[in-house]
Amino acid sequence: MVLLAGQSNMSGRGLGTDPMADTPADPRLLAWDARANTLRLARDPLPHQDRGERPVRIGPGISFGQAYLARGSAGRQLVLVAAAYGGTGFSDNAGSWRVTGAAVSPLAAEAVARANAAMRAARARGAPARFAAILWHQGETDGGNRMAPEAYAAELVALATYLRSHIDGAGPSTPFIVGQYVPAHLAADRFLQRIADVNRELPATLAHSACVGSHGLSGNSTRDAVHFDAASQRDMGRRYAAALDALESQSLARASEPTRCDWHMAPARPTDEVR
């Protein structure tokens, strides 16, 4: 079981050509549907917290799940717990993901509730269930609010600790993996670059964590450089899976070392303006 949390690039706003669009759902890949209180086949758009309230399209979850399953045994299954919400952060007016105040933020509490409900449902099926990882993609809101990187780092570590200690089956060694931002957007925003630096250095401050680079990936268009396009979202999902595989296979000492987390831009594509 894997939790997918953060803001819009995790819940998915990817547009454009998507070769996976007509691929049949993998019966080994399930999603927790909190509104229906059930496990179901995982399809895009995944049932994130912002589903039904904001547009949700292609995100990294499905391609992550497929890559994760491809690396495992033939009988492996995976449950995706979708819990992201677009436009949220630590520094927005609601403090949407903060766990350091007098009360835990609703989004963080709901993420835990979804993961624990999914774990109960999986165990009710009679098969062994293991909580495998937390995937986090967020920061654009806090970069836009010019949040101090030191404050962002403290909130991020606090959130990781909270999720690890409150999700059934998680613990201090549960992998916590963060992702970088659309390179073109990042190159134009020095405040977001400071948040990206926090992501890159996270493995030095949080054990069993990793950072996934966004080098070579693209946004939806020059008018929407904030959100990865569909093809880049699929690639991000596979990069998350590779990072998790590396964390699971490395020694504890190596897993806590800083990792490269690049965000070099891809060449501009002529179709960007007409999507």
C-alpha atoms as a PDB file:
ATOM      1  CA  MET A   1       0.000   0.000   0.000  1.00  0.00           C
ATOM      2  CA  VAL A   2       1.278   3.467  -0.923  1.00  0.00           C
ATOM      3  CA  LEU A   3      -0.016   6.929   0.040  1.00  0.00           C
ATOM      4  CA  LEU A   4      -0.063   9.633  -2.662  1.00  0.00           C
ATOM      5  CA  ALA A   5      -0.205  13.072  -1.025  1.00  0.00           C
ATOM      6  CA  GLY A   6       0.489  16.724  -1.789  1.00  0.00           C
ATOM      7  CA  GLN A   7      -1.134  19.166  -4.181  1.00  0.00           C
ATOM      8  CA  SER A   8      -2.225  19.337  -7.821  1.00  0.00           C
ATOM      9  CA  ASN A   9       0.753  17.703  -9.517  1.00  0.00           C
ATOM     10  CA  MET A  10       0.166  14.638  -7.347  1.00  0.00           C
ATOM     11  CA  SER A  11      -3.591  14.538  -7.870  1.00  0.00           C
ATOM     12  CA  GLY A  12      -2.881  15.188 -11.549  1.00  0.00           C
ATOM     13  CA  ARG A  13      -3.515  17.922 -14.077  1.00  0.00           C
ATOM     14  CA  GLY A  14      -1.657  16.288 -16.961  1.00  0.00           C
ATOM     15  CA  LEU A  15      -2.932  17.017 -20.476  1.00  0.00           C
ATOM     16  CA  GLY A  16      -1.814  16.029 -23.958  1.00  0.00           C
ATOM     17  CA  THR A  17      -0.982  12.771 -25.678  1.00  0.00           C
ATOM     18  CA  ASP A  18      -1.205   9.805 -23.332  1.00  0.00           C
ATOM     19  CA  PRO A  19      -0.394   6.371 -24.818  1.00  0.00           C
ATOM     20  CA  MET A  20      -1.676   4.714 -21.628  1.00  0.00           C
ATOM     21  CA  ALA A  21      -5.162   6.186 -21.983  1.00  0.00           C
ATOM     22  CA  ASP A  22      -6.639   3.084 -23.611  1.00  0.00           C
ATOM     23  CA  THR A  23      -4.640   0.533 -21.619  1.00  0.00           C
ATOM     24  CA  PRO A  24      -6.914  -1.858 -19.699  1.00  0.00           C
ATOM     25  CA  ALA A  25      -6.843  -1.511 -15.926  1.00  0.00           C
ATOM     26  CA  ASP A  26      -4.392  -3.867 -14.211  1.00  0.00           C
ATOM     27  CA  PRO A  27      -6.348  -6.145 -11.837  1.00  0.00           C
ATOM     28  CA  ARG A  28      -3.350  -6.153  -9.487  1.00  0.00           C
ATOM     29  CA  LEU A  29      -3.487  -2.369  -9.084  1.00  0.00           C
ATOM     30  CA  LEU A  30      -6.233  -1.071  -6.790  1.00  0.00           C
ATOM     31  CA  ALA A  31      -7.236   2.307  -5.399  1.00  0.00           C
ATOM     32  CA  TRP A  32      -8.987   3.211  -2.183  1.00  0.00           C
ATOM     33  CA  ASP A  33     -12.206   5.088  -2.958  1.00  0.00           C
ATOM     34  CA  ALA A  34     -12.929   7.005   0.249  1.00  0.00           C
ATOM     35  CA  ARG A  35     -16.304   8.302  -0.926  1.00  0.00           C
ATOM     36  CA  ALA A  36     -17.554   4.812  -1.753  1.00  0.00           C
ATOM     37  CA  ASN A  37     -15.644   3.255   1.166  1.00  0.00           C
ATOM     38  CA  THR A  38     -14.252   0.478  -0.997  1.00  0.00           C
ATOM     39  CA  LEU A  39     -11.267  -0.797  -2.941  1.00  0.00           C
ATOM     40  CA  ARG A  40     -11.637  -0.614  -6.716  1.00  0.00           C
ATOM     41  CA  LEU A  41      -9.541  -0.984  -9.839  1.00  0.00           C
ATOM     42  CA  ALA A  42      -7.149   1.939 -10.154  1.00  0.00           C
ATOM     43  CA  ARG A  43      -7.911   4.200 -13.113  1.00  0.00           C
ATOM     44  CA  ASP A  44      -7.261   7.839 -13.927  1.00  0.00           C
ATOM     45  CA  PRO A  45      -8.352  10.117 -12.473  1.00  0.00           C
ATOM     46  CA  LEU A  46      -7.608   8.603  -9.080  1.00  0.00           C
ATOM     47  CA  PRO A  47     -10.018   9.514  -6.242  1.00  0.00           C
ATOM     48  CA  HIS A  48      -7.900  12.171  -4.546  1.00  0.00           C
ATOM     49  CA  GLN A  49      -9.294  14.557  -1.934  1.00  0.00           C
ATOM     50  CA  ASP A  50      -9.905  17.214  -4.608  1.00  0.00           C
ATOM     51  CA  ARG A  51     -11.780  14.877  -6.953  1.00  0.00           C
ATOM     52  CA  GLY A  52     -15.188  16.361  -7.700  1.00  0.00           C
ATOM     53  CA  GLU A  53     -14.164  19.790  -6.400  1.00  0.00           C
ATOM     54  CA  ARG A  54     -11.333  20.589  -8.802  1.00  0.00           C
ATOM     55  CA  PRO A  55     -10.410  19.089 -12.191  1.00  0.00           C
ATOM     56  CA  VAL A  56      -8.274  15.987 -11.813  1.00  0.00           C
ATOM     57  CA  ARG A  57      -6.683  14.347 -14.844  1.00  0.00           C
ATOM     58  CA  ILE A  58      -3.431  12.420 -15.342  1.00  0.00           C
ATOM     59  CA  GLY A  59      -1.090  12.140 -12.372  1.00  0.00           C
ATOM     60  CA  PRO A  60       1.905   9.929 -11.517  1.00  0.00           C
ATOM     61  CA  GLY A  61       0.003   7.287  -9.547  1.00  0.00           C
ATOM     62  CA  ILE A  62      -0.939   4.747 -12.199  1.00  0.00           C
ATOM     63  CA  SER A  63       2.465   4.608 -13.900  1.00  0.00           C
ATOM     64  CA  PHE A  64       4.126   4.409 -10.476  1.00  0.00           C
ATOM     65  CA  GLY A  65       1.914   1.454  -9.600  1.00  0.00           C
ATOM     66  CA  GLN A  66       2.584  -0.366 -12.851  1.00  0.00           C
ATOM     67  CA  ALA A  67       6.345   0.100 -12.514  1.00  0.00           C
ATOM     68  CA  TYR A  68       6.252  -1.012  -8.876  1.00  0.00           C
ATOM     69  CA  LEU A  69       4.307  -4.150  -9.744  1.00  0.00           C
ATOM     70  CA  ALA A  70       6.654  -4.944 -12.636  1.00  0.00           C
ATOM     71  CA  ARG A  71       9.581  -5.127 -10.214  1.00  0.00           C
ATOM     72  CA  GLY A  72       7.858  -7.558  -7.852  1.00  0.00           C
ATOM     73  CA  SER A  73       6.684 -11.139  -7.843  1.00  0.00           C
ATOM     74  CA  ALA A  74       3.844 -12.309 -10.071  1.00  0.00           C
ATOM     75  CA  GLY A  75       1.396 -12.456  -7.166  1.00  0.00           C
ATOM     76  CA  ARG A  76       2.063  -8.932  -5.878  1.00  0.00           C
ATOM     77  CA  GLN A  77      -0.803  -6.449  -5.580  1.00  0.00           C
ATOM     78  CA  LEU A  78      -0.712  -2.750  -4.795  1.00  0.00           C
ATOM     79  CA  VAL A  79      -3.271  -0.371  -3.303  1.00  0.00           C
ATOM     80  CA  LEU A  80      -2.924   3.343  -4.081  1.00  0.00           C
ATOM     81  CA  VAL A  81      -4.323   5.665  -1.404  1.00  0.00           C
ATOM     82  CA  ALA A  82      -5.003   8.955  -3.189  1.00  0.00           C
ATOM     83  CA  ALA A  83      -5.060  11.911  -0.786  1.00  0.00           C
ATOM     84  CA  ALA A  84      -3.752  15.027  -2.582  1.00  0.00           C
ATOM     85  CA  TYR A  85      -5.542  18.353  -2.939  1.00  0.00           C
ATOM     86  CA  GLY A  86      -4.655  21.063  -5.440  1.00  0.00           C
ATOM     87  CA  GLY A  87      -3.512  24.507  -4.338  1.00  0.00           C
ATOM     88  CA  THR A  88      -2.584  23.466  -0.804  1.00  0.00           C
ATOM     89  CA  GLY A  89       0.537  23.769   1.308  1.00  0.00           C
ATOM     90  CA  PHE A  90       2.006  24.677   4.664  1.00  0.00           C
ATOM     91  CA  SER A  91       1.795  28.446   4.201  1.00  0.00           C
ATOM     92  CA  ASP A  92      -1.677  28.900   2.704  1.00  0.00           C
ATOM     93  CA  ASN A  93      -4.313  30.538   4.884  1.00  0.00           C
ATOM     94  CA  ALA A  94      -5.688  27.182   6.012  1.00  0.00           C
ATOM     95  CA  GLY A  95      -2.271  25.678   6.745  1.00  0.00           C
ATOM     96  CA  SER A  96      -3.624  22.762   4.765  1.00  0.00           C
ATOM     97  CA  TRP A  97      -0.864  20.235   5.521  1.00  0.00           C
ATOM     98  CA  ARG A  98       0.524  21.564   8.809  1.00  0.00           C
ATOM     99  CA  VAL A  99       0.775  19.209  11.764  1.00  0.00           C
ATOM    100  CA  THR A 100       2.779  21.547  14.010  1.00  0.00           C
ATOM    101  CA  GLY A 101      -0.043  23.780  15.224  1.00  0.00           C
ATOM    102  CA  ALA A 102      -2.596  23.326  17.972  1.00  0.00           C
ATOM    103  CA  ALA A 103      -4.567  20.940  15.739  1.00  0.00           C
ATOM    104  CA  VAL A 104      -3.575  18.629  12.913  1.00  0.00           C
ATOM    105  CA  SER A 105      -4.679  19.989   9.548  1.00  0.00           C
ATOM    106  CA  PRO A 106      -7.751  18.335   7.975  1.00  0.00           C
ATOM    107  CA  LEU A 107      -5.867  17.184   4.861  1.00  0.00           C
ATOM    108  CA  ALA A 108      -3.178  15.416   6.887  1.00  0.00           C
ATOM    109  CA  ALA A 109      -5.768  13.825   9.160  1.00  0.00           C
ATOM    110  CA  GLU A 110      -7.804  12.713   6.156  1.00  0.00           C
ATOM    111  CA  ALA A 111      -4.724  11.220   4.493  1.00  0.00           C
ATOM    112  CA  VAL A 112      -4.132   9.098   7.589  1.00  0.00           C
ATOM    113  CA  ALA A 113      -7.808   8.132   7.783  1.00  0.00           C
ATOM    114  CA  ARG A 114      -7.818   7.049   4.144  1.00  0.00           C
ATOM    115  CA  ALA A 115      -4.645   4.995   4.522  1.00  0.00           C
ATOM    116  CA  ASN A 116      -5.923   3.248   7.652  1.00  0.00           C
ATOM    117  CA  ALA A 117      -9.333   2.528   6.108  1.00  0.00           C
ATOM    118  CA  ALA A 118      -7.645   1.097   3.022  1.00  0.00           C
ATOM    119  CA  MET A 119      -5.422  -1.067   5.204  1.00  0.00           C
ATOM    120  CA  ARG A 120      -8.467  -2.453   7.045  1.00  0.00           C
ATOM    121  CA  ALA A 121     -10.205  -3.195   3.754  1.00  0.00           C
ATOM    122  CA  ALA A 122      -7.138  -4.938   2.329  1.00  0.00           C
ATOM    123  CA  ARG A 123      -6.717  -7.077   5.429  1.00  0.00           C
ATOM    124  CA  ALA A 124     -10.407  -7.967   5.364  1.00  0.00           C
ATOM    125  CA  ARG A 125      -9.742  -9.709   2.072  1.00  0.00           C
ATOM    126  CA  GLY A 126      -7.567 -12.188   3.928  1.00  0.00           C
ATOM    127  CA  ALA A 127      -4.260 -11.378   2.251  1.00  0.00           C
ATOM    128  CA  PRO A 128      -1.174 -10.003   4.039  1.00  0.00           C
ATOM    129  CA  ALA A 129      -1.025  -6.218   3.742  1.00  0.00           C
ATOM    130  CA  ARG A 130       2.076  -4.050   4.070  1.00  0.00           C
ATOM    131  CA  PHE A 131       2.318  -0.269   4.031  1.00  0.00           C
ATOM    132  CA  ALA A 132       5.163   0.410   1.612  1.00  0.00           C
ATOM    133  CA  ALA A 133       5.733   4.150   1.141  1.00  0.00           C
ATOM    134  CA  ILE A 134       4.576   7.761   1.167  1.00  0.00           C
ATOM    135  CA  LEU A 135       4.910   9.724  -2.080  1.00  0.00           C
ATOM    136  CA  TRP A 136       4.768  13.511  -1.723  1.00  0.00           C
ATOM    137  CA  HIS A 137       4.566  16.157  -4.429  1.00  0.00           C
ATOM    138  CA  GLN A 138       3.908  19.693  -3.214  1.00  0.00           C
ATOM    139  CA  GLY A 139       5.614  23.055  -2.851  1.00  0.00           C
ATOM    140  CA  GLU A 140       4.366  25.260  -5.664  1.00  0.00           C
ATOM    141  CA  THR A 141       1.934  26.985  -3.302  1.00  0.00           C
ATOM    142  CA  ASP A 142       4.596  27.594  -0.676  1.00  0.00           C
ATOM    143  CA  GLY A 143       7.084  28.831  -3.266  1.00  0.00           C
ATOM    144  CA  GLY A 144       4.431  31.247  -4.509  1.00  0.00           C
ATOM    145  CA  ASN A 145       3.928  32.445  -0.933  1.00  0.00           C
ATOM    146  CA  ARG A 146       7.701  32.941  -0.596  1.00  0.00           C
ATOM    147  CA  MET A 147       7.835  30.603   2.375  1.00  0.00           C
ATOM    148  CA  ALA A 148      11.258  30.496   4.030  1.00  0.00           C
ATOM    149  CA  PRO A 149      13.028  27.264   3.081  1.00  0.00           C
ATOM    150  CA  GLU A 150      13.961  26.583   6.714  1.00  0.00           C
ATOM    151  CA  ALA A 151      10.296  26.777   7.701  1.00  0.00           C
ATOM    152  CA  TYR A 152       9.272  24.558   4.791  1.00  0.00           C
ATOM    153  CA  ALA A 153      11.898  21.970   5.719  1.00  0.00           C
ATOM    154  CA  ALA A 154      10.703  21.872   9.320  1.00  0.00           C
ATOM    155  CA  GLU A 155       7.070  21.442   8.288  1.00  0.00           C
ATOM    156  CA  LEU A 156       7.931  18.743   5.751  1.00  0.00           C
ATOM    157  CA  VAL A 157       9.890  16.665   8.254  1.00  0.00           C
ATOM    158  CA  ALA A 158       7.121  17.112  10.817  1.00  0.00           C
ATOM    159  CA  LEU A 159       4.539  15.905   8.306  1.00  0.00           C
ATOM    160  CA  ALA A 160       6.617  12.873   7.335  1.00  0.00           C
ATOM    161  CA  THR A 161       7.025  12.003  11.015  1.00  0.00           C
ATOM    162  CA  TYR A 162       3.299  12.426  11.656  1.00  0.00           C
ATOM    163  CA  LEU A 163       2.290  10.227   8.727  1.00  0.00           C
ATOM    164  CA  ARG A 164       4.830   7.555   9.626  1.00  0.00           C
ATOM    165  CA  SER A 165       3.615   7.452  13.228  1.00  0.00           C
ATOM    166  CA  HIS A 166      -0.143   7.473  12.552  1.00  0.00           C
ATOM    167  CA  ILE A 167      -0.614   5.238   9.509  1.00  0.00           C
ATOM    168  CA  ASP A 168      -1.216   1.605  10.365  1.00  0.00           C
ATOM    169  CA  GLY A 169       1.781  -0.423   9.250  1.00  0.00           C
ATOM    170  CA  ALA A 170       4.069   2.572   8.760  1.00  0.00           C
ATOM    171  CA  GLY A 171       7.018   3.483  10.946  1.00  0.00           C
ATOM    172  CA  PRO A 172      10.288   5.424  11.162  1.00  0.00           C
ATOM    173  CA  SER A 173      11.782   3.462   8.259  1.00  0.00           C
ATOM    174  CA  THR A 174       8.821   3.876   5.896  1.00  0.00           C
ATOM    175  CA  PRO A 175      10.172   5.453   2.683  1.00  0.00           C
ATOM    176  CA  PHE A 176       9.168   9.099   2.188  1.00  0.00           C
ATOM    177  CA  ILE A 177       9.784  10.254  -1.381  1.00  0.00           C
ATOM    178  CA  VAL A 178       9.387  13.797  -2.683  1.00  0.00           C
ATOM    179  CA  GLY A 179       9.313  15.030  -6.286  1.00  0.00           C
ATOM    180  CA  GLN A 180      10.700  18.123  -7.992  1.00  0.00           C
ATOM    181  CA  TYR A 181       8.699  20.593 -10.068  1.00  0.00           C
ATOM    182  CA  VAL A 182       8.177  21.359 -13.757  1.00  0.00           C
ATOM    183  CA  PRO A 183      11.645  22.564 -14.855  1.00  0.00           C
ATOM    184  CA  ALA A 184      10.447  25.549 -16.909  1.00  0.00           C
ATOM    185  CA  HIS A 185       8.339  26.791 -14.012  1.00  0.00           C
ATOM    186  CA  LEU A 186      11.118  26.161 -11.536  1.00  0.00           C
ATOM    187  CA  ALA A 187      13.692  28.022 -13.646  1.00  0.00           C
ATOM    188  CA  ALA A 188      11.531  31.153 -13.563  1.00  0.00           C
ATOM    189  CA  ASP A 189      10.775  31.155  -9.826  1.00  0.00           C
ATOM    190  CA  ARG A 190      13.685  31.669  -7.448  1.00  0.00           C
ATOM    191  CA  PHE A 191      11.449  31.206  -4.408  1.00  0.00           C
ATOM    192  CA  LEU A 192      10.326  27.789  -5.640  1.00  0.00           C
ATOM    193  CA  GLN A 193      13.975  26.976  -6.301  1.00  0.00           C
ATOM    194  CA  ARG A 194      14.585  27.394  -2.578  1.00  0.00           C
ATOM    195  CA  ILE A 195      11.846  24.839  -1.878  1.00  0.00           C
ATOM    196  CA  ALA A 196      13.410  22.551  -4.500  1.00  0.00           C
ATOM    197  CA  ASP A 197      16.693  22.830  -2.603  1.00  0.00           C
ATOM    198  CA  VAL A 198      14.874  21.541   0.497  1.00  0.00           C
ATOM    199  CA  ASN A 199      13.673  18.545  -1.516  1.00  0.00           C
ATOM    200  CA  ARG A 200      17.160  17.847  -2.817  1.00  0.00           C
ATOM    201  CA  GLU A 201      18.687  17.952   0.658  1.00  0.00           C
ATOM    202  CA  LEU A 202      15.892  16.058   2.412  1.00  0.00           C
ATOM    203  CA  PRO A 203      17.747  12.706   2.490  1.00  0.00           C
ATOM    204  CA  ALA A 204      20.427  14.395   4.601  1.00  0.00           C
ATOM    205  CA  THR A 205      17.893  15.417   7.262  1.00  0.00           C
ATOM    206  CA  LEU A 206      15.231  12.699   7.091  1.00  0.00           C
ATOM    207  CA  ALA A 207      16.234   9.044   7.190  1.00  0.00           C
ATOM    208  CA  HIS A 208      14.741   6.710   4.594  1.00  0.00           C
ATOM    209  CA  SER A 209      13.792   9.516   2.247  1.00  0.00           C
ATOM    210  CA  ALA A 210      14.561  10.274  -1.384  1.00  0.00           C
ATOM    211  CA  CYS A 211      14.034  13.024  -3.940  1.00  0.00           C
ATOM    212  CA  VAL A 212      12.871  12.387  -7.501  1.00  0.00           C
ATOM    213  CA  GLY A 213      14.275  14.725 -10.159  1.00  0.00           C
ATOM    214  CA  SER A 214      12.191  16.288 -12.927  1.00  0.00           C
ATOM    215  CA  HIS A 215      14.997  16.788 -15.446  1.00  0.00           C
ATOM    216  CA  GLY A 216      13.842  16.691 -19.065  1.00  0.00           C
ATOM    217  CA  LEU A 217      10.122  16.875 -18.262  1.00  0.00           C
ATOM    218  CA  SER A 218       7.563  19.399 -19.503  1.00  0.00           C
ATOM    219  CA  GLY A 219       4.523  21.340 -18.391  1.00  0.00           C
ATOM    220  CA  ASN A 220       1.122  21.396 -20.052  1.00  0.00           C
ATOM    221  CA  SER A 221       1.963  24.549 -22.035  1.00  0.00           C
ATOM    222  CA  THR A 222       3.596  27.933 -21.702  1.00  0.00           C
ATOM    223  CA  ARG A 223       0.272  29.101 -20.269  1.00  0.00           C
ATOM    224  CA  ASP A 224       0.310  26.306 -17.686  1.00  0.00           C
ATOM    225  CA  ALA A 225       3.926  25.642 -16.833  1.00  0.00           C
ATOM    226  CA  VAL A 226       3.026  24.709 -13.243  1.00  0.00           C
ATOM    227  CA  HIS A 227       1.537  21.314 -14.111  1.00  0.00           C
ATOM    228  CA  PHE A 228       3.312  18.393 -15.744  1.00  0.00           C
ATOM    229  CA  ASP A 229       1.776  17.210 -18.999  1.00  0.00           C
ATOM    230  CA  ALA A 230       0.437  13.659 -19.230  1.00  0.00           C
ATOM    231  CA  ALA A 231       3.594  12.125 -20.694  1.00  0.00           C
ATOM    232  CA  SER A 232       5.766  13.763 -18.035  1.00  0.00           C
ATOM    233  CA  GLN A 233       3.404  12.610 -15.289  1.00  0.00           C
ATOM    234  CA  ARG A 234       3.785   9.026 -16.498  1.00  0.00           C
ATOM    235  CA  ASP A 235       7.549   9.473 -16.408  1.00  0.00           C
ATOM    236  CA  MET A 236       7.419  10.964 -12.905  1.00  0.00           C
ATOM    237  CA  GLY A 237       5.483   7.933 -11.710  1.00  0.00           C
ATOM    238  CA  ARG A 238       8.175   5.612 -13.019  1.00  0.00           C
ATOM    239  CA  ARG A 239      10.843   7.749 -11.364  1.00  0.00           C
ATOM    240  CA  TYR A 240       9.042   7.496  -8.032  1.00  0.00           C
ATOM    241  CA  ALA A 241       8.997   3.706  -8.448  1.00  0.00           C
ATOM    242  CA  ALA A 242      12.719   3.606  -9.210  1.00  0.00           C
ATOM    243  CA  ALA A 243      13.435   5.725  -6.136  1.00  0.00           C
ATOM    244  CA  LEU A 244      11.377   3.419  -3.932  1.00  0.00           C
ATOM    245  CA  ASP A 245      13.145   0.402  -5.393  1.00  0.00           C
ATOM    246  CA  ALA A 246      16.499   2.001  -4.597  1.00  0.00           C
ATOM    247  CA  LEU A 247      15.482   2.783  -1.017  1.00  0.00           C
ATOM    248  CA  GLU A 248      14.179  -0.735  -0.454  1.00  0.00           C
ATOM    249  CA  SER A 249      17.320  -2.357  -1.854  1.00  0.00           C
ATOM    250  CA  GLN A 250      19.994  -0.112  -0.322  1.00  0.00           C
ATOM    251  CA  SER A 251      21.536  -0.457   3.087  1.00  0.00           C
ATOM    252  CA  LEU A 252      20.151   1.868   5.747  1.00  0.00           C
ATOM    253  CA  ALA A 253      23.363   3.888   5.666  1.00  0.00           C
ATOM    254  CA  ARG A 254      23.239   4.495   1.927  1.00  0.00           C
ATOM    255  CA  ALA A 255      19.502   5.188   1.935  1.00  0.00           C
ATOM    256  CA  SER A 256      20.000   8.222   4.147  1.00  0.00           C
ATOM    257  CA  GLU A 257      22.707   9.831   1.992  1.00  0.00           C
ATOM    258  CA  PRO A 258      21.838  12.903  -0.112  1.00  0.00           C
ATOM    259  CA  THR A 259      20.741  12.023  -3.630  1.00  0.00           C
ATOM    260  CA  ARG A 260      20.834  14.006  -6.855  1.00  0.00           C
ATOM    261  CA  CYS A 261      17.525  15.627  -7.609  1.00  0.00           C
ATOM    262  CA  ASP A 262      17.891  17.579 -10.851  1.00  0.00           C
ATOM    263  CA  TRP A 263      15.385  19.663 -12.771  1.00  0.00           C
ATOM    264  CA  HIS A 264      17.040  20.540 -16.112  1.00  0.00           C
ATOM    265  CA  MET A 265      14.593  21.676 -18.775  1.00  0.00           C
ATOM    266  CA  ALA A 266      13.648  19.647 -21.820  1.00  0.00           C
ATOM    267  CA  PRO A 267      13.859  21.238 -25.296  1.00  0.00           C
ATOM    268  CA  ALA A 268      10.742  23.244 -26.148  1.00  0.00           C
ATOM    269  CA  ARG A 269       8.137  21.339 -28.135  1.00  0.00           C
ATOM    270  CA  PRO A 270       6.238  23.021 -30.984  1.00  0.00           C
ATOM    271  CA  THR A 271       2.903  21.612 -29.811  1.00  0.00           C
ATOM    272  CA  ASP A 272       3.037  23.319 -26.411  1.00  0.00           C
ATOM    273  CA  GLU A 273       1.027  26.339 -27.567  1.00  0.00           C
ATOM    274  CA  VAL A 274      -1.873  24.408 -29.068  1.00  0.00           C
ATOM    275  CA  ARG A 275      -2.705  21.844 -26.407  1.00  0.00           C
END
